[in-house]
N, C-alpha and C. Protein backbone atom coordinates (compact mmCIF):
# COMPACT_ATOMS: atom_id res chain seq x y z
N ALA A 1 -46.10 161.81 438.09
CA ALA A 1 -45.71 160.43 438.26
C ALA A 1 -46.16 159.90 439.62
N ASP A 2 -46.15 160.75 440.66
CA ASP A 2 -46.58 160.32 441.98
C ASP A 2 -48.07 159.98 442.00
N MET A 3 -48.88 160.80 441.34
CA MET A 3 -50.32 160.52 441.29
C MET A 3 -50.56 159.18 440.62
N ARG A 4 -49.87 158.95 439.52
CA ARG A 4 -50.04 157.71 438.76
C ARG A 4 -49.62 156.52 439.60
N ALA A 5 -48.50 156.64 440.32
CA ALA A 5 -48.02 155.55 441.17
C ALA A 5 -49.00 155.25 442.30
N CYS A 6 -49.57 156.28 442.88
CA CYS A 6 -50.53 156.08 443.97
C CYS A 6 -51.80 155.39 443.46
N ILE A 7 -52.28 155.80 442.29
CA ILE A 7 -53.47 155.17 441.72
C ILE A 7 -53.19 153.72 441.39
N SER A 8 -52.05 153.45 440.79
CA SER A 8 -51.68 152.06 440.47
C SER A 8 -51.63 151.20 441.73
N ALA A 9 -51.03 151.74 442.80
CA ALA A 9 -50.95 151.00 444.06
C ALA A 9 -52.34 150.75 444.63
N GLY A 10 -53.20 151.76 444.56
CA GLY A 10 -54.57 151.59 445.05
C GLY A 10 -55.33 150.53 444.28
N LEU A 11 -55.18 150.54 442.96
CA LEU A 11 -55.86 149.54 442.13
C LEU A 11 -55.34 148.14 442.44
N ARG A 12 -54.02 148.00 442.61
CA ARG A 12 -53.44 146.68 442.94
C ARG A 12 -53.94 146.17 444.28
N SER A 13 -54.22 147.11 445.21
CA SER A 13 -54.68 146.67 446.53
C SER A 13 -56.19 146.44 446.58
N GLY A 14 -56.87 146.63 445.44
CA GLY A 14 -58.29 146.32 445.37
C GLY A 14 -59.23 147.51 445.46
N LEU A 15 -58.71 148.71 445.58
CA LEU A 15 -59.58 149.88 445.62
C LEU A 15 -60.23 150.09 444.25
N ALA A 16 -61.48 150.42 444.26
CA ALA A 16 -62.18 150.70 443.00
C ALA A 16 -62.50 152.18 442.86
N ALA A 17 -62.61 152.88 443.98
CA ALA A 17 -62.89 154.32 443.95
C ALA A 17 -61.90 155.02 444.87
N MET A 18 -61.34 156.11 444.39
CA MET A 18 -60.40 156.87 445.21
C MET A 18 -60.41 158.33 444.80
N GLU A 19 -60.00 159.18 445.73
CA GLU A 19 -59.91 160.61 445.47
C GLU A 19 -58.44 160.96 445.27
N VAL A 20 -58.16 161.70 444.23
CA VAL A 20 -56.79 162.13 443.95
C VAL A 20 -56.78 163.64 443.85
N ARG A 21 -55.93 164.27 444.63
CA ARG A 21 -55.81 165.72 444.57
C ARG A 21 -54.60 166.08 443.72
N THR A 22 -54.79 167.06 442.87
CA THR A 22 -53.72 167.48 441.97
C THR A 22 -53.10 168.77 442.48
N GLN A 23 -51.99 169.13 441.87
CA GLN A 23 -51.36 170.40 442.23
C GLN A 23 -52.26 171.55 441.80
N ALA A 24 -52.06 172.69 442.40
CA ALA A 24 -52.85 173.86 442.05
C ALA A 24 -52.30 174.51 440.78
N VAL A 25 -53.18 175.19 440.05
CA VAL A 25 -52.71 175.98 438.91
C VAL A 25 -51.95 177.16 439.51
N PRO A 26 -50.69 177.36 439.11
CA PRO A 26 -49.88 178.41 439.75
C PRO A 26 -50.38 179.82 439.44
N ASN A 27 -50.31 180.67 440.45
CA ASN A 27 -50.64 182.10 440.32
C ASN A 27 -51.97 182.33 439.64
N LEU A 28 -52.97 181.56 439.98
CA LEU A 28 -54.25 181.66 439.28
C LEU A 28 -54.86 183.06 439.40
N ASP A 29 -54.66 183.69 440.55
CA ASP A 29 -55.22 185.03 440.72
C ASP A 29 -54.55 186.06 439.80
N GLU A 30 -53.40 185.71 439.25
CA GLU A 30 -52.69 186.62 438.35
C GLU A 30 -52.63 186.08 436.92
N ALA A 31 -53.45 185.10 436.61
CA ALA A 31 -53.39 184.45 435.30
C ALA A 31 -53.62 185.41 434.15
N LYS A 32 -54.55 186.34 434.31
CA LYS A 32 -54.85 187.24 433.20
C LYS A 32 -53.71 188.21 432.92
N PHE A 33 -52.81 188.41 433.90
CA PHE A 33 -51.67 189.29 433.67
C PHE A 33 -50.48 188.54 433.08
N GLY A 34 -50.50 187.22 433.16
CA GLY A 34 -49.45 186.42 432.54
C GLY A 34 -48.13 186.43 433.27
N THR A 35 -48.13 186.05 434.55
CA THR A 35 -46.87 185.96 435.27
C THR A 35 -46.00 184.88 434.64
N PRO A 36 -44.67 184.98 434.77
CA PRO A 36 -43.80 183.97 434.16
C PRO A 36 -44.11 182.54 434.62
N THR A 37 -44.41 182.35 435.91
CA THR A 37 -44.72 181.01 436.42
C THR A 37 -45.99 180.48 435.77
N ASN A 38 -47.00 181.32 435.71
CA ASN A 38 -48.27 180.93 435.12
C ASN A 38 -48.11 180.64 433.64
N GLU A 39 -47.36 181.48 432.95
CA GLU A 39 -47.15 181.29 431.51
C GLU A 39 -46.41 179.98 431.23
N ARG A 40 -45.40 179.66 432.03
CA ARG A 40 -44.67 178.39 431.85
C ARG A 40 -45.59 177.20 432.01
N PHE A 41 -46.46 177.26 433.03
CA PHE A 41 -47.40 176.16 433.26
C PHE A 41 -48.38 176.02 432.09
N GLN A 42 -48.89 177.13 431.59
CA GLN A 42 -49.83 177.09 430.47
C GLN A 42 -49.15 176.54 429.21
N ILE A 43 -47.91 176.95 428.97
CA ILE A 43 -47.17 176.43 427.82
C ILE A 43 -46.95 174.93 427.96
N GLU A 44 -46.61 174.48 429.18
CA GLU A 44 -46.41 173.04 429.43
C GLU A 44 -47.70 172.27 429.16
N CYS A 45 -48.84 172.78 429.64
CA CYS A 45 -50.13 172.12 429.38
C CYS A 45 -50.41 172.05 427.89
N ALA A 46 -50.24 173.17 427.19
CA ALA A 46 -50.53 173.22 425.75
C ALA A 46 -49.65 172.24 425.00
N ARG A 47 -48.38 172.16 425.36
CA ARG A 47 -47.46 171.22 424.69
C ARG A 47 -47.84 169.77 424.99
N ASN A 48 -48.08 169.47 426.27
CA ASN A 48 -48.39 168.09 426.66
C ASN A 48 -49.69 167.58 426.06
N LEU A 49 -50.64 168.48 425.84
CA LEU A 49 -51.91 168.08 425.24
C LEU A 49 -51.85 168.06 423.72
N GLY A 50 -50.75 168.55 423.16
CA GLY A 50 -50.61 168.59 421.71
C GLY A 50 -51.38 169.73 421.08
N LEU A 51 -51.66 170.75 421.87
CA LEU A 51 -52.39 171.91 421.37
C LEU A 51 -51.47 172.90 420.66
N SER A 52 -50.28 173.04 421.17
CA SER A 52 -49.39 174.08 420.67
C SER A 52 -47.95 173.71 421.01
N SER A 53 -47.02 174.19 420.22
CA SER A 53 -45.61 173.97 420.55
C SER A 53 -45.08 175.12 421.39
N GLY A 54 -45.92 176.06 421.70
CA GLY A 54 -45.52 177.18 422.55
C GLY A 54 -45.32 178.45 421.75
N PRO A 55 -44.81 179.46 422.42
CA PRO A 55 -44.66 180.75 421.76
C PRO A 55 -43.54 180.76 420.74
N VAL A 56 -43.70 181.62 419.77
CA VAL A 56 -42.67 181.83 418.76
C VAL A 56 -42.20 183.27 418.92
N LYS A 57 -40.89 183.46 418.98
CA LYS A 57 -40.39 184.82 419.10
C LYS A 57 -40.51 185.51 417.75
N ALA A 58 -41.14 186.63 417.77
CA ALA A 58 -41.30 187.42 416.55
C ALA A 58 -40.60 188.75 416.77
N SER A 59 -39.62 189.05 415.98
CA SER A 59 -38.91 190.32 416.14
C SER A 59 -39.25 191.22 414.97
N GLY A 60 -38.72 192.39 415.00
CA GLY A 60 -38.95 193.31 413.90
C GLY A 60 -39.93 194.41 414.24
N GLN A 61 -40.53 194.34 415.42
CA GLN A 61 -41.41 195.41 415.82
C GLN A 61 -40.59 196.48 416.52
N SER A 62 -40.91 197.70 416.29
CA SER A 62 -40.16 198.78 416.93
C SER A 62 -41.09 199.64 417.76
N ASN A 63 -40.54 200.21 418.81
CA ASN A 63 -41.34 201.07 419.67
C ASN A 63 -41.24 202.51 419.21
N ASP A 64 -41.77 203.45 420.00
CA ASP A 64 -41.79 204.86 419.61
C ASP A 64 -40.40 205.44 419.40
N ALA A 65 -39.41 204.91 420.10
CA ALA A 65 -38.05 205.42 419.96
C ALA A 65 -37.32 204.78 418.78
N GLY A 66 -37.99 203.91 418.04
CA GLY A 66 -37.37 203.25 416.90
C GLY A 66 -36.52 202.05 417.27
N LEU A 67 -36.58 201.61 418.54
CA LEU A 67 -35.79 200.46 418.98
C LEU A 67 -36.54 199.17 418.67
N GLN A 68 -35.79 198.18 418.19
CA GLN A 68 -36.37 196.87 417.90
C GLN A 68 -36.66 196.16 419.22
N LYS A 69 -37.76 195.48 419.29
CA LYS A 69 -38.04 194.68 420.48
C LYS A 69 -38.49 193.29 420.04
N SER A 70 -38.24 192.35 420.91
CA SER A 70 -38.60 190.97 420.64
C SER A 70 -39.89 190.67 421.39
N VAL A 71 -40.87 190.13 420.73
CA VAL A 71 -42.13 189.80 421.37
C VAL A 71 -42.45 188.33 421.12
N LYS A 72 -43.29 187.78 421.99
CA LYS A 72 -43.73 186.40 421.82
C LYS A 72 -45.07 186.40 421.11
N ARG A 73 -45.23 185.49 420.18
CA ARG A 73 -46.51 185.31 419.52
C ARG A 73 -47.02 183.91 419.87
N PHE A 74 -48.29 183.86 420.24
CA PHE A 74 -48.91 182.60 420.61
C PHE A 74 -49.97 182.25 419.58
N ASP A 75 -50.09 180.96 419.28
CA ASP A 75 -51.13 180.56 418.32
C ASP A 75 -52.48 180.44 419.03
N GLY A 76 -53.52 180.28 418.24
CA GLY A 76 -54.88 180.22 418.75
C GLY A 76 -55.12 179.08 419.72
N ASN A 77 -54.49 177.94 419.49
CA ASN A 77 -54.70 176.80 420.38
C ASN A 77 -54.09 177.04 421.75
N TYR A 78 -52.94 177.71 421.80
CA TYR A 78 -52.37 178.07 423.10
C TYR A 78 -53.33 179.01 423.85
N MET A 79 -53.97 179.89 423.11
CA MET A 79 -54.87 180.86 423.73
C MET A 79 -56.08 180.17 424.38
N LEU A 80 -56.45 178.97 423.92
CA LEU A 80 -57.50 178.21 424.60
C LEU A 80 -57.09 177.93 426.04
N VAL A 81 -55.84 177.52 426.22
CA VAL A 81 -55.33 177.21 427.56
C VAL A 81 -55.21 178.49 428.38
N LYS A 82 -54.73 179.54 427.76
CA LYS A 82 -54.57 180.82 428.48
C LYS A 82 -55.91 181.35 428.97
N ARG A 83 -56.96 181.20 428.17
CA ARG A 83 -58.29 181.71 428.56
C ARG A 83 -58.96 180.84 429.62
N ASP A 84 -58.66 179.55 429.64
CA ASP A 84 -59.32 178.64 430.60
C ASP A 84 -58.29 177.67 431.19
N PRO A 85 -57.35 178.21 431.99
CA PRO A 85 -56.26 177.36 432.48
C PRO A 85 -56.70 176.21 433.38
N ILE A 86 -57.75 176.40 434.17
CA ILE A 86 -58.17 175.33 435.08
C ILE A 86 -58.73 174.14 434.30
N ALA A 87 -59.58 174.41 433.33
CA ALA A 87 -60.19 173.33 432.56
C ALA A 87 -59.13 172.50 431.83
N TYR A 88 -58.19 173.18 431.18
CA TYR A 88 -57.16 172.44 430.45
C TYR A 88 -56.15 171.79 431.39
N ALA A 89 -55.91 172.39 432.55
CA ALA A 89 -55.04 171.74 433.55
C ALA A 89 -55.69 170.45 434.02
N ASN A 90 -57.01 170.46 434.22
CA ASN A 90 -57.71 169.24 434.64
C ASN A 90 -57.58 168.14 433.58
N ILE A 91 -57.69 168.51 432.31
CA ILE A 91 -57.53 167.52 431.24
C ILE A 91 -56.10 167.00 431.23
N GLU A 92 -55.13 167.90 431.43
CA GLU A 92 -53.72 167.49 431.47
C GLU A 92 -53.46 166.52 432.61
N TRP A 93 -53.98 166.80 433.80
CA TRP A 93 -53.75 165.89 434.93
C TRP A 93 -54.45 164.56 434.70
N ALA A 94 -55.61 164.57 434.11
CA ALA A 94 -56.28 163.31 433.77
C ALA A 94 -55.45 162.53 432.76
N ARG A 95 -54.85 163.23 431.79
CA ARG A 95 -53.99 162.58 430.79
C ARG A 95 -52.78 161.95 431.47
N ARG A 96 -52.24 162.63 432.46
CA ARG A 96 -51.06 162.10 433.17
C ARG A 96 -51.36 160.84 433.97
N ILE A 97 -52.55 160.77 434.58
CA ILE A 97 -52.85 159.60 435.41
C ILE A 97 -53.49 158.46 434.64
N ALA A 98 -53.96 158.70 433.43
CA ALA A 98 -54.64 157.65 432.65
C ALA A 98 -53.82 156.37 432.51
N PRO A 99 -52.48 156.43 432.31
CA PRO A 99 -51.73 155.18 432.19
C PRO A 99 -51.80 154.28 433.43
N ALA A 100 -52.17 154.83 434.59
CA ALA A 100 -52.27 154.02 435.80
C ALA A 100 -53.38 152.98 435.68
N PHE A 101 -54.33 153.22 434.80
CA PHE A 101 -55.45 152.29 434.64
C PHE A 101 -55.14 151.12 433.73
N GLY A 102 -53.96 151.10 433.14
CA GLY A 102 -53.57 149.98 432.30
C GLY A 102 -54.34 149.93 431.00
N ALA A 103 -54.52 148.73 430.49
CA ALA A 103 -55.16 148.53 429.18
C ALA A 103 -56.67 148.49 429.32
N ARG A 104 -57.25 149.61 429.59
CA ARG A 104 -58.71 149.70 429.69
C ARG A 104 -59.29 149.98 428.31
N SER A 105 -60.52 149.60 428.12
CA SER A 105 -61.18 149.89 426.85
C SER A 105 -61.24 151.39 426.61
N LYS A 106 -61.75 152.13 427.61
CA LYS A 106 -61.83 153.58 427.52
C LYS A 106 -61.50 154.19 428.87
N VAL A 107 -61.00 155.41 428.84
CA VAL A 107 -60.83 156.20 430.05
C VAL A 107 -61.77 157.39 429.89
N TRP A 108 -62.84 157.38 430.67
CA TRP A 108 -63.84 158.45 430.63
C TRP A 108 -63.41 159.56 431.57
N VAL A 109 -63.28 160.76 431.05
CA VAL A 109 -62.97 161.93 431.86
C VAL A 109 -64.24 162.76 431.89
N LEU A 110 -64.89 162.77 433.04
CA LEU A 110 -66.18 163.43 433.17
C LEU A 110 -66.00 164.74 433.95
N LEU A 111 -66.37 165.83 433.31
CA LEU A 111 -66.17 167.17 433.86
C LEU A 111 -67.38 167.60 434.67
N ALA A 112 -67.19 167.80 435.97
CA ALA A 112 -68.29 168.25 436.81
C ALA A 112 -68.66 169.69 436.54
N GLU A 113 -67.70 170.47 436.04
CA GLU A 113 -67.95 171.88 435.74
C GLU A 113 -67.44 172.21 434.35
N GLY A 114 -68.20 172.97 433.60
CA GLY A 114 -67.74 173.50 432.32
C GLY A 114 -67.61 172.46 431.22
N ARG A 115 -67.12 172.94 430.12
CA ARG A 115 -66.89 172.10 428.94
C ARG A 115 -65.53 172.46 428.36
N VAL A 116 -64.87 171.50 427.79
CA VAL A 116 -63.56 171.72 427.18
C VAL A 116 -63.57 171.12 425.79
N ASP A 117 -63.14 171.89 424.82
CA ASP A 117 -63.03 171.40 423.45
C ASP A 117 -61.68 170.71 423.31
N THR A 118 -61.70 169.39 423.23
CA THR A 118 -60.45 168.63 423.13
C THR A 118 -60.15 168.20 421.70
N ALA A 119 -60.90 168.69 420.74
CA ALA A 119 -60.72 168.29 419.34
C ALA A 119 -59.31 168.56 418.84
N ALA A 120 -58.68 169.63 419.30
CA ALA A 120 -57.34 169.98 418.84
C ALA A 120 -56.24 169.37 419.70
N CYS A 121 -56.59 168.62 420.73
CA CYS A 121 -55.59 168.01 421.63
C CYS A 121 -55.05 166.73 420.98
N SER A 122 -53.95 166.84 420.26
CA SER A 122 -53.44 165.71 419.47
C SER A 122 -52.70 164.66 420.30
N LYS A 123 -52.37 164.95 421.56
CA LYS A 123 -51.62 163.99 422.36
C LYS A 123 -52.45 163.26 423.40
N LEU A 124 -53.75 163.34 423.29
CA LEU A 124 -54.59 162.56 424.20
C LEU A 124 -54.60 161.11 423.73
N PRO A 125 -54.62 160.17 424.68
CA PRO A 125 -54.68 158.76 424.27
C PRO A 125 -55.93 158.49 423.42
N LYS A 126 -55.85 157.52 422.56
CA LYS A 126 -56.96 157.19 421.65
C LYS A 126 -58.21 156.75 422.41
N ASN A 127 -58.01 156.15 423.59
CA ASN A 127 -59.16 155.65 424.35
C ASN A 127 -59.68 156.68 425.38
N PHE A 128 -59.28 157.90 425.26
CA PHE A 128 -59.63 159.00 426.16
C PHE A 128 -60.92 159.66 425.68
N VAL A 129 -61.95 159.68 426.52
CA VAL A 129 -63.23 160.28 426.16
C VAL A 129 -63.56 161.36 427.19
N VAL A 130 -63.70 162.60 426.74
CA VAL A 130 -64.00 163.72 427.63
C VAL A 130 -65.44 164.15 427.41
N ARG A 131 -66.21 164.19 428.50
CA ARG A 131 -67.61 164.58 428.43
C ARG A 131 -67.97 165.35 429.71
N PRO A 132 -69.00 166.19 429.63
CA PRO A 132 -69.54 166.77 430.87
C PRO A 132 -70.19 165.66 431.70
N LEU A 133 -70.12 165.77 432.99
CA LEU A 133 -70.70 164.76 433.89
C LEU A 133 -72.20 164.60 433.66
N ASP A 134 -72.86 165.67 433.27
CA ASP A 134 -74.30 165.60 433.06
C ASP A 134 -74.70 165.23 431.62
N SER A 135 -73.74 164.80 430.82
CA SER A 135 -74.01 164.44 429.42
C SER A 135 -74.89 163.19 429.34
N LYS A 136 -75.72 163.17 428.33
CA LYS A 136 -76.56 161.98 428.07
C LYS A 136 -75.79 160.94 427.27
N ASN A 137 -74.64 161.33 426.73
CA ASN A 137 -73.87 160.48 425.83
C ASN A 137 -72.72 159.78 426.59
N ILE A 138 -73.04 159.09 427.67
CA ILE A 138 -72.05 158.36 428.45
C ILE A 138 -72.45 156.90 428.49
N ASP A 139 -71.56 156.04 428.02
CA ASP A 139 -71.84 154.61 428.00
C ASP A 139 -70.61 153.87 428.53
N ILE A 140 -70.53 153.76 429.83
CA ILE A 140 -69.35 153.19 430.48
C ILE A 140 -69.46 151.67 430.51
N GLY A 141 -68.43 151.02 429.96
CA GLY A 141 -68.39 149.56 429.93
C GLY A 141 -67.69 148.98 431.15
N ALA A 142 -67.75 147.67 431.27
CA ALA A 142 -67.17 146.98 432.43
C ALA A 142 -65.65 147.14 432.52
N ARG A 143 -64.97 147.29 431.38
CA ARG A 143 -63.51 147.42 431.39
C ARG A 143 -63.03 148.86 431.27
N ASP A 144 -63.94 149.81 431.45
CA ASP A 144 -63.59 151.22 431.33
C ASP A 144 -63.18 151.80 432.68
N ALA A 145 -62.40 152.85 432.63
CA ALA A 145 -62.02 153.61 433.82
C ALA A 145 -62.75 154.94 433.77
N VAL A 146 -63.03 155.49 434.95
CA VAL A 146 -63.74 156.77 435.05
C VAL A 146 -62.94 157.73 435.92
N ILE A 147 -62.70 158.93 435.39
CA ILE A 147 -62.09 160.01 436.15
C ILE A 147 -63.11 161.14 436.18
N VAL A 148 -63.55 161.51 437.36
CA VAL A 148 -64.47 162.64 437.50
C VAL A 148 -63.63 163.83 437.94
N VAL A 149 -63.66 164.88 437.14
CA VAL A 149 -62.82 166.04 437.39
C VAL A 149 -63.61 167.10 438.15
N ALA A 150 -63.03 167.56 439.26
CA ALA A 150 -63.58 168.64 440.08
C ALA A 150 -65.01 168.40 440.55
N PRO A 151 -65.28 167.28 441.20
CA PRO A 151 -66.64 167.03 441.68
C PRO A 151 -66.88 167.76 443.01
N GLY A 152 -67.08 169.06 442.96
CA GLY A 152 -67.17 169.87 444.17
C GLY A 152 -68.35 169.57 445.07
N VAL A 153 -69.52 169.43 444.52
CA VAL A 153 -70.70 169.20 445.37
C VAL A 153 -70.98 167.71 445.49
N THR A 154 -71.68 167.34 446.54
CA THR A 154 -71.93 165.93 446.84
C THR A 154 -72.65 165.21 445.70
N THR A 155 -73.57 165.88 445.03
CA THR A 155 -74.30 165.20 443.95
C THR A 155 -73.36 164.83 442.80
N SER A 156 -72.34 165.64 442.55
CA SER A 156 -71.36 165.30 441.51
C SER A 156 -70.56 164.07 441.90
N TRP A 157 -70.15 164.01 443.16
CA TRP A 157 -69.43 162.83 443.65
C TRP A 157 -70.29 161.59 443.47
N GLN A 158 -71.54 161.68 443.90
CA GLN A 158 -72.44 160.53 443.85
C GLN A 158 -72.71 160.10 442.41
N LYS A 159 -72.95 161.06 441.53
CA LYS A 159 -73.21 160.72 440.13
C LYS A 159 -72.00 160.05 439.50
N GLY A 160 -70.79 160.58 439.74
CA GLY A 160 -69.57 159.97 439.22
C GLY A 160 -69.39 158.56 439.74
N TYR A 161 -69.64 158.36 441.03
CA TYR A 161 -69.52 157.02 441.63
C TYR A 161 -70.54 156.06 441.02
N ASP A 162 -71.77 156.52 440.87
CA ASP A 162 -72.82 155.67 440.30
C ASP A 162 -72.49 155.28 438.86
N LEU A 163 -71.99 156.23 438.07
CA LEU A 163 -71.64 155.93 436.68
C LEU A 163 -70.48 154.92 436.60
N ALA A 164 -69.56 154.99 437.53
CA ALA A 164 -68.39 154.11 437.51
C ALA A 164 -68.71 152.70 437.96
N GLU A 165 -69.77 152.50 438.69
CA GLU A 165 -70.10 151.15 439.21
C GLU A 165 -70.50 150.20 438.13
């Protein structure tokens, strides 16, 4: 909500280009081990994007001693987020700030790095278009908003700025 409020305030004051820093993906160095903090964040992203409702407890499995144990089962769409938490976190943060742009024709989310399959993301706004920054299939209109995700090198910043003008 703070990011969205800051962007809205910047737009009202006449800014056309601004840099917004998002929170870090928690425990990224331990993501493959599935720490509880990291898992909660991934589940939140999957739910907010409409990819998954989260884990389902599946019981009935027994260990070597014959004791029943409860395990979590995750669906395939959740596993997309688990395998690539940064990419899906970037889409989630773009989804959160998109309402700050108001009634725009389209909100272009241009990825400076990697590709994300958003076909299964059922909670993205209808006017949300996700493309790689280097895609040939970008047609930004005068009433469109542009979000460039993770523009690390100067050429990515410049290309995103040029496309948004």
